[in-house]
Amino acid sequence: MAEPERNHLLNCGYGRGFSVLDVLNAVDRVTNTPVRRVMSPRRAGDPPALISDNRAILATFPWQPRYADLDVIVAHALAWERALAERA
């Protein structure tokens, strides 16, 4: 990197999104425990969708997302959180 002192704010996503319900369903599958859901209408001001744009990180660093499967992503995230909790 030519500018090591420069700060970067970059999205690390895939350029496609998952709904909250998709993520909750993945958590259900990975943990084998259903997450309680309370369905409500969209809040005022909520956008219909938000999807990260990863073009900047792909152009800036030699990085590629490794896991495209939501269940794998959730499993890794839960393992990370559990490891952090054990250190506390």
N, C-alpha and C. Protein backbone atom coordinates (compact mmCIF):
# COMPACT_ATOMS: atom_id res chain seq x y z
N MET A 1 0.85 -1.19 0.00
CA MET A 1 0.00 0.00 0.00
C MET A 1 0.88 1.23 0.00
N ALA A 2 0.65 2.12 -0.90
CA ALA A 2 1.48 3.30 -1.08
C ALA A 2 1.27 4.35 0.02
N GLU A 3 0.12 4.35 0.68
CA GLU A 3 -0.19 5.35 1.70
C GLU A 3 -0.59 4.66 3.02
N PRO A 4 0.39 4.13 3.76
CA PRO A 4 0.04 3.38 4.97
C PRO A 4 -0.64 4.22 6.05
N GLU A 5 -0.45 5.54 6.01
CA GLU A 5 -1.06 6.41 7.01
C GLU A 5 -2.51 6.76 6.67
N ARG A 6 -2.96 6.43 5.50
CA ARG A 6 -4.32 6.76 5.05
C ARG A 6 -5.34 5.82 5.68
N ASN A 7 -6.44 6.38 6.15
CA ASN A 7 -7.55 5.58 6.68
C ASN A 7 -8.47 5.19 5.54
N HIS A 8 -9.03 3.99 5.63
CA HIS A 8 -9.96 3.51 4.63
C HIS A 8 -11.26 3.08 5.31
N LEU A 9 -12.36 3.41 4.71
CA LEU A 9 -13.66 2.93 5.14
C LEU A 9 -14.24 2.18 3.95
N LEU A 10 -14.26 0.84 4.06
CA LEU A 10 -14.60 0.01 2.91
C LEU A 10 -15.61 -1.06 3.30
N ASN A 11 -16.55 -1.35 2.41
CA ASN A 11 -17.50 -2.43 2.62
C ASN A 11 -16.84 -3.75 2.22
N CYS A 12 -17.07 -4.77 3.04
CA CYS A 12 -16.48 -6.09 2.78
C CYS A 12 -17.54 -7.10 2.36
N GLY A 13 -18.61 -6.65 1.78
CA GLY A 13 -19.70 -7.54 1.41
C GLY A 13 -19.51 -8.18 0.06
N TYR A 14 -20.58 -8.73 -0.44
CA TYR A 14 -20.58 -9.45 -1.70
C TYR A 14 -21.26 -8.68 -2.82
N GLY A 15 -21.81 -7.52 -2.50
CA GLY A 15 -22.54 -6.77 -3.50
C GLY A 15 -23.95 -7.29 -3.71
N ARG A 16 -24.40 -8.15 -2.83
CA ARG A 16 -25.79 -8.62 -2.82
C ARG A 16 -26.19 -8.75 -1.36
N GLY A 17 -27.46 -8.70 -1.09
CA GLY A 17 -27.88 -8.66 0.30
C GLY A 17 -28.71 -9.84 0.73
N PHE A 18 -28.91 -9.90 2.03
CA PHE A 18 -29.81 -10.86 2.66
C PHE A 18 -30.81 -10.08 3.49
N SER A 19 -32.03 -10.55 3.55
CA SER A 19 -33.02 -9.90 4.40
C SER A 19 -32.77 -10.27 5.86
N VAL A 20 -33.37 -9.50 6.75
CA VAL A 20 -33.30 -9.84 8.17
C VAL A 20 -33.86 -11.24 8.39
N LEU A 21 -34.95 -11.56 7.71
CA LEU A 21 -35.55 -12.89 7.84
C LEU A 21 -34.60 -13.98 7.33
N ASP A 22 -33.88 -13.72 6.24
CA ASP A 22 -32.87 -14.68 5.75
C ASP A 22 -31.83 -14.96 6.83
N VAL A 23 -31.36 -13.90 7.48
CA VAL A 23 -30.32 -14.06 8.51
C VAL A 23 -30.88 -14.80 9.72
N LEU A 24 -32.08 -14.44 10.16
CA LEU A 24 -32.69 -15.14 11.30
C LEU A 24 -32.90 -16.62 10.98
N ASN A 25 -33.34 -16.92 9.78
CA ASN A 25 -33.52 -18.32 9.39
C ASN A 25 -32.19 -19.07 9.41
N ALA A 26 -31.12 -18.41 8.99
CA ALA A 26 -29.79 -19.03 9.03
C ALA A 26 -29.35 -19.27 10.47
N VAL A 27 -29.62 -18.31 11.35
CA VAL A 27 -29.28 -18.50 12.77
C VAL A 27 -30.05 -19.69 13.33
N ASP A 28 -31.33 -19.80 12.98
CA ASP A 28 -32.13 -20.95 13.41
C ASP A 28 -31.46 -22.26 12.98
N ARG A 29 -31.05 -22.33 11.72
CA ARG A 29 -30.45 -23.56 11.19
C ARG A 29 -29.11 -23.87 11.85
N VAL A 30 -28.28 -22.85 12.01
CA VAL A 30 -26.93 -23.06 12.53
C VAL A 30 -26.97 -23.44 14.01
N THR A 31 -27.84 -22.80 14.78
CA THR A 31 -27.90 -23.05 16.22
C THR A 31 -28.88 -24.15 16.59
N ASN A 32 -29.70 -24.55 15.62
CA ASN A 32 -30.76 -25.53 15.87
C ASN A 32 -31.70 -25.04 16.98
N THR A 33 -31.84 -23.72 17.08
CA THR A 33 -32.72 -23.09 18.06
C THR A 33 -33.43 -21.94 17.38
N PRO A 34 -34.75 -21.92 17.36
CA PRO A 34 -35.45 -20.83 16.69
C PRO A 34 -35.30 -19.51 17.44
N VAL A 35 -35.06 -18.46 16.67
CA VAL A 35 -35.03 -17.10 17.22
C VAL A 35 -36.45 -16.57 17.19
N ARG A 36 -36.91 -16.04 18.31
CA ARG A 36 -38.27 -15.49 18.39
C ARG A 36 -38.37 -14.28 17.47
N ARG A 37 -39.43 -14.21 16.72
CA ARG A 37 -39.65 -13.12 15.78
C ARG A 37 -40.94 -12.37 16.13
N VAL A 38 -40.89 -11.07 16.02
CA VAL A 38 -42.07 -10.23 16.14
C VAL A 38 -42.13 -9.45 14.84
N MET A 39 -43.07 -9.80 13.99
CA MET A 39 -43.19 -9.16 12.67
C MET A 39 -43.91 -7.82 12.84
N SER A 40 -43.32 -6.79 12.26
CA SER A 40 -43.86 -5.44 12.34
C SER A 40 -43.73 -4.79 10.98
N PRO A 41 -44.53 -3.76 10.74
CA PRO A 41 -44.37 -3.03 9.48
C PRO A 41 -43.03 -2.30 9.46
N ARG A 42 -42.59 -1.97 8.27
CA ARG A 42 -41.36 -1.20 8.10
C ARG A 42 -41.51 0.14 8.84
N ARG A 43 -40.44 0.56 9.47
CA ARG A 43 -40.45 1.85 10.17
C ARG A 43 -40.35 2.99 9.18
N ALA A 44 -40.88 4.13 9.55
CA ALA A 44 -40.78 5.32 8.69
C ALA A 44 -39.31 5.64 8.44
N GLY A 45 -38.97 5.84 7.19
CA GLY A 45 -37.61 6.19 6.85
C GLY A 45 -36.71 5.00 6.52
N ASP A 46 -37.15 3.77 6.84
CA ASP A 46 -36.35 2.60 6.50
C ASP A 46 -36.29 2.42 4.99
N PRO A 47 -35.10 2.22 4.44
CA PRO A 47 -35.02 1.97 3.00
C PRO A 47 -35.54 0.58 2.68
N PRO A 48 -36.00 0.36 1.47
CA PRO A 48 -36.50 -0.97 1.10
C PRO A 48 -35.39 -2.01 1.05
N ALA A 49 -34.15 -1.57 0.79
CA ALA A 49 -33.02 -2.50 0.76
C ALA A 49 -31.72 -1.73 0.93
N LEU A 50 -30.73 -2.37 1.54
CA LEU A 50 -29.38 -1.83 1.65
C LEU A 50 -28.42 -2.94 1.25
N ILE A 51 -27.59 -2.67 0.29
CA ILE A 51 -26.64 -3.68 -0.19
C ILE A 51 -25.27 -3.02 -0.25
N SER A 52 -24.29 -3.67 0.37
CA SER A 52 -22.94 -3.10 0.37
C SER A 52 -22.34 -3.12 -1.03
N ASP A 53 -21.57 -2.10 -1.30
CA ASP A 53 -20.85 -2.01 -2.57
C ASP A 53 -19.38 -2.29 -2.27
N ASN A 54 -18.88 -3.44 -2.68
CA ASN A 54 -17.53 -3.84 -2.33
C ASN A 54 -16.49 -3.49 -3.40
N ARG A 55 -16.87 -2.71 -4.40
CA ARG A 55 -15.92 -2.39 -5.48
C ARG A 55 -14.67 -1.69 -4.98
N ALA A 56 -14.80 -0.81 -3.99
CA ALA A 56 -13.64 -0.05 -3.51
C ALA A 56 -12.62 -0.97 -2.84
N ILE A 57 -13.08 -1.90 -2.00
CA ILE A 57 -12.11 -2.79 -1.34
C ILE A 57 -11.46 -3.73 -2.36
N LEU A 58 -12.23 -4.17 -3.34
CA LEU A 58 -11.68 -5.05 -4.37
C LEU A 58 -10.62 -4.33 -5.20
N ALA A 59 -10.81 -3.03 -5.41
CA ALA A 59 -9.86 -2.24 -6.19
C ALA A 59 -8.65 -1.80 -5.36
N THR A 60 -8.81 -1.72 -4.03
CA THR A 60 -7.76 -1.18 -3.17
C THR A 60 -6.83 -2.25 -2.61
N PHE A 61 -7.38 -3.39 -2.26
CA PHE A 61 -6.60 -4.44 -1.59
C PHE A 61 -6.73 -5.76 -2.35
N PRO A 62 -5.76 -6.65 -2.15
CA PRO A 62 -5.88 -7.98 -2.75
C PRO A 62 -6.75 -8.88 -1.88
N TRP A 63 -8.00 -8.51 -1.74
CA TRP A 63 -8.94 -9.21 -0.87
C TRP A 63 -10.12 -9.69 -1.70
N GLN A 64 -10.62 -10.86 -1.37
CA GLN A 64 -11.84 -11.39 -1.97
C GLN A 64 -12.66 -12.01 -0.86
N PRO A 65 -13.98 -11.84 -0.87
CA PRO A 65 -14.81 -12.54 0.12
C PRO A 65 -14.66 -14.04 -0.08
N ARG A 66 -14.60 -14.77 1.03
CA ARG A 66 -14.33 -16.19 0.95
C ARG A 66 -15.58 -17.06 1.07
N TYR A 67 -16.56 -16.62 1.82
CA TYR A 67 -17.72 -17.46 2.10
C TYR A 67 -18.99 -16.82 1.55
N ALA A 68 -19.63 -17.48 0.63
CA ALA A 68 -20.86 -16.94 0.03
C ALA A 68 -22.11 -17.54 0.68
N ASP A 69 -21.97 -18.63 1.40
CA ASP A 69 -23.11 -19.32 2.00
C ASP A 69 -23.47 -18.66 3.33
N LEU A 70 -24.71 -18.20 3.46
CA LEU A 70 -25.13 -17.48 4.66
C LEU A 70 -24.98 -18.33 5.91
N ASP A 71 -25.27 -19.61 5.86
CA ASP A 71 -25.12 -20.46 7.04
C ASP A 71 -23.66 -20.51 7.50
N VAL A 72 -22.74 -20.56 6.57
CA VAL A 72 -21.31 -20.57 6.92
C VAL A 72 -20.92 -19.23 7.53
N ILE A 73 -21.40 -18.15 6.96
CA ILE A 73 -21.10 -16.81 7.49
C ILE A 73 -21.62 -16.68 8.91
N VAL A 74 -22.85 -17.12 9.16
CA VAL A 74 -23.44 -17.05 10.50
C VAL A 74 -22.67 -17.93 11.46
N ALA A 75 -22.30 -19.13 11.05
CA ALA A 75 -21.54 -20.04 11.92
C ALA A 75 -20.20 -19.42 12.31
N HIS A 76 -19.52 -18.80 11.37
CA HIS A 76 -18.25 -18.14 11.67
C HIS A 76 -18.45 -16.96 12.61
N ALA A 77 -19.48 -16.17 12.38
CA ALA A 77 -19.76 -15.02 13.24
C ALA A 77 -20.06 -15.46 14.66
N LEU A 78 -20.86 -16.50 14.82
CA LEU A 78 -21.18 -17.01 16.16
C LEU A 78 -19.94 -17.57 16.84
N ALA A 79 -19.10 -18.28 16.11
CA ALA A 79 -17.86 -18.82 16.68
C ALA A 79 -16.96 -17.68 17.15
N TRP A 80 -16.87 -16.62 16.36
CA TRP A 80 -16.07 -15.45 16.73
C TRP A 80 -16.61 -14.82 18.02
N GLU A 81 -17.92 -14.62 18.09
CA GLU A 81 -18.52 -14.02 19.28
C GLU A 81 -18.32 -14.90 20.51
N ARG A 82 -18.44 -16.20 20.34
CA ARG A 82 -18.23 -17.12 21.47
C ARG A 82 -16.78 -17.07 21.95
N ALA A 83 -15.84 -17.00 21.02
CA ALA A 83 -14.42 -16.92 21.40
C ALA A 83 -14.14 -15.62 22.14
N LEU A 84 -14.74 -14.52 21.69
CA LEU A 84 -14.56 -13.24 22.40
C LEU A 84 -15.14 -13.31 23.81
N ALA A 85 -16.31 -13.93 23.95
CA ALA A 85 -16.96 -14.05 25.26
C ALA A 85 -16.12 -14.89 26.22
N GLU A 86 -15.45 -15.91 25.70
CA GLU A 86 -14.60 -16.75 26.56
C GLU A 86 -13.39 -16.00 27.08
N ARG A 87 -12.90 -15.02 26.31
CA ARG A 87 -11.73 -14.24 26.74
C ARG A 87 -12.09 -13.19 27.77
N ALA A 88 -13.36 -12.83 27.83
CA ALA A 88 -13.77 -11.74 28.75
C ALA A 88 -13.80 -12.19 30.19
